[in-house]
């Protein structure tokens, strides 16, 4: 992902993407990496060093749970995680709308 996006923002985006992916079907960590890469058209391939700490963080919040299976962990979203994802989506939509209003105001001022 672009270097100009701060590390904190990348972590937030990654956690939301993980919740979205796991919410669609139970998934292994490596599959999450490949799915993020696919959904970003190859622009971002998160490393295991970013995926697994994010998964641990989400699990500690109770937003996802894991089950050991053949030396791998299968991750599933919890009801608490589904609710968190909905809150994140609503918050981001609100922020996108605010940014859009800001740029519209800037553009309108330039047209004068």
Protein backbone atom coordinates (compact mmCIF):
# COMPACT_ATOMS: atom_id res chain seq x y z
CA UNK A 1 0.00 0.00 0.00
CA UNK A 2 1.21 3.53 -0.67
CA UNK A 3 3.82 4.84 1.72
CA UNK A 4 1.94 8.11 2.19
CA UNK A 5 -0.79 6.31 4.12
CA UNK A 6 0.29 6.21 7.74
CA UNK A 7 1.00 2.99 9.56
CA UNK A 8 -1.92 3.53 11.93
CA UNK A 9 -4.34 3.98 9.03
CA UNK A 10 -3.01 0.84 7.33
CA UNK A 11 -3.60 -1.15 10.51
CA UNK A 12 -7.18 0.12 10.78
CA UNK A 13 -7.86 -0.65 7.12
CA UNK A 14 -6.30 -4.10 7.48
CA UNK A 15 -8.43 -4.96 10.52
CA UNK A 16 -11.59 -3.87 8.70
CA UNK A 17 -10.64 -5.90 5.63
CA UNK A 18 -9.94 -8.92 7.82
CA UNK A 19 -13.36 -8.60 9.46
CA UNK A 20 -15.02 -8.27 6.06
CA UNK A 21 -13.20 -11.29 4.59
CA UNK A 22 -13.75 -13.51 7.63
CA UNK A 23 -17.37 -12.35 7.78
CA UNK A 24 -17.93 -13.81 4.34
CA UNK A 25 -16.52 -17.24 5.24
CA UNK A 26 -14.19 -18.81 7.80
CA UNK A 27 -10.66 -18.25 6.55
CA UNK A 28 -7.01 -19.11 7.28
CA UNK A 29 -4.39 -16.39 7.74
CA UNK A 30 -2.56 -17.07 4.47
CA UNK A 31 -5.86 -16.96 2.59
CA UNK A 32 -6.53 -13.53 4.12
CA UNK A 33 -3.20 -12.26 2.77
CA UNK A 34 -4.04 -13.51 -0.72
CA UNK A 35 -7.58 -12.11 -0.56
CA UNK A 36 -6.37 -8.64 0.50
CA UNK A 37 -3.94 -8.76 -2.42
CA UNK A 38 -6.74 -9.78 -4.80
CA UNK A 39 -9.17 -7.12 -3.55
CA UNK A 40 -6.55 -4.38 -3.92
CA UNK A 41 -5.61 -5.55 -7.44
CA UNK A 42 -2.12 -6.45 -6.28
CA UNK A 43 -1.40 -3.01 -4.82
CA UNK A 44 -1.12 -4.35 -1.28
CA UNK A 45 0.12 -7.70 -0.06
CA UNK A 46 0.18 -7.56 3.73
CA UNK A 47 3.01 -9.47 5.34
CA UNK A 48 2.47 -12.28 7.85
CA UNK A 49 4.10 -9.87 10.33
CA UNK A 50 1.13 -7.54 9.95
CA UNK A 51 -1.68 -10.07 9.43
CA UNK A 52 -1.08 -12.29 12.44
CA UNK A 53 -0.76 -9.48 15.03
CA UNK A 54 -3.96 -7.97 13.59
CA UNK A 55 -5.71 -11.34 13.92
CA UNK A 56 -4.46 -11.65 17.52
CA UNK A 57 -5.76 -8.15 18.29
CA UNK A 58 -9.18 -8.87 16.79
CA UNK A 59 -9.37 -12.15 18.68
CA UNK A 60 -8.45 -10.49 21.99
CA UNK A 61 -11.34 -8.03 21.45
CA UNK A 62 -13.70 -10.94 20.90
CA UNK A 63 -14.41 -9.86 17.32
CA UNK A 64 -13.13 -13.11 15.81
CA UNK A 65 -12.34 -16.58 17.09
CA UNK A 66 -9.91 -19.21 15.90
CA UNK A 67 -9.92 -22.97 15.80
CA UNK A 68 -6.76 -25.06 15.38
CA UNK A 69 -6.95 -27.30 12.34
CA UNK A 70 -3.98 -29.28 11.01
CA UNK A 71 -1.40 -26.90 12.53
CA UNK A 72 -3.26 -23.89 11.12
CA UNK A 73 -5.88 -21.62 12.60
CA UNK A 74 -9.26 -21.18 10.96
CA UNK A 75 -10.72 -17.77 11.80
CA UNK A 76 -14.42 -16.94 12.04
CA UNK A 77 -16.17 -13.68 12.88
CA UNK A 78 -18.25 -13.40 16.05
CA UNK A 79 -21.52 -11.48 16.49
CA UNK A 80 -19.47 -8.84 18.32
CA UNK A 81 -17.16 -8.65 15.29
CA UNK A 82 -20.09 -8.26 12.89
CA UNK A 83 -21.40 -5.37 14.98
CA UNK A 84 -17.94 -3.77 15.06
CA UNK A 85 -17.64 -4.04 11.28
CA UNK A 86 -21.02 -2.34 10.82
CA UNK A 87 -19.92 0.50 13.14
CA UNK A 88 -16.65 0.89 11.21
CA UNK A 89 -18.49 1.00 7.88
CA UNK A 90 -20.91 3.64 9.16
CA UNK A 91 -18.08 5.72 10.60
CA UNK A 92 -16.07 5.55 7.37
CA UNK A 93 -19.08 6.43 5.23
CA UNK A 94 -19.63 9.48 7.40
CA UNK A 95 -15.96 10.47 7.04
CA UNK A 96 -16.01 9.99 3.27
CA UNK A 97 -19.09 12.19 3.03
CA UNK A 98 -17.39 14.86 5.15
CA UNK A 99 -14.26 14.77 2.97
CA UNK A 100 -16.46 14.99 -0.15
CA UNK A 101 -18.23 18.07 1.26
CA UNK A 102 -14.85 19.63 2.04
CA UNK A 103 -13.54 19.12 -1.50
CA UNK A 104 -16.81 20.32 -3.02
CA UNK A 105 -16.47 23.52 -0.98
CA UNK A 106 -12.88 23.97 -2.19
CA UNK A 107 -13.86 23.36 -5.81
CA UNK A 108 -16.82 25.77 -5.60
CA UNK A 109 -14.55 28.49 -4.19
CA UNK A 110 -12.06 27.99 -7.04
CA UNK A 111 -14.80 28.31 -9.68
CA UNK A 112 -15.74 31.81 -8.48
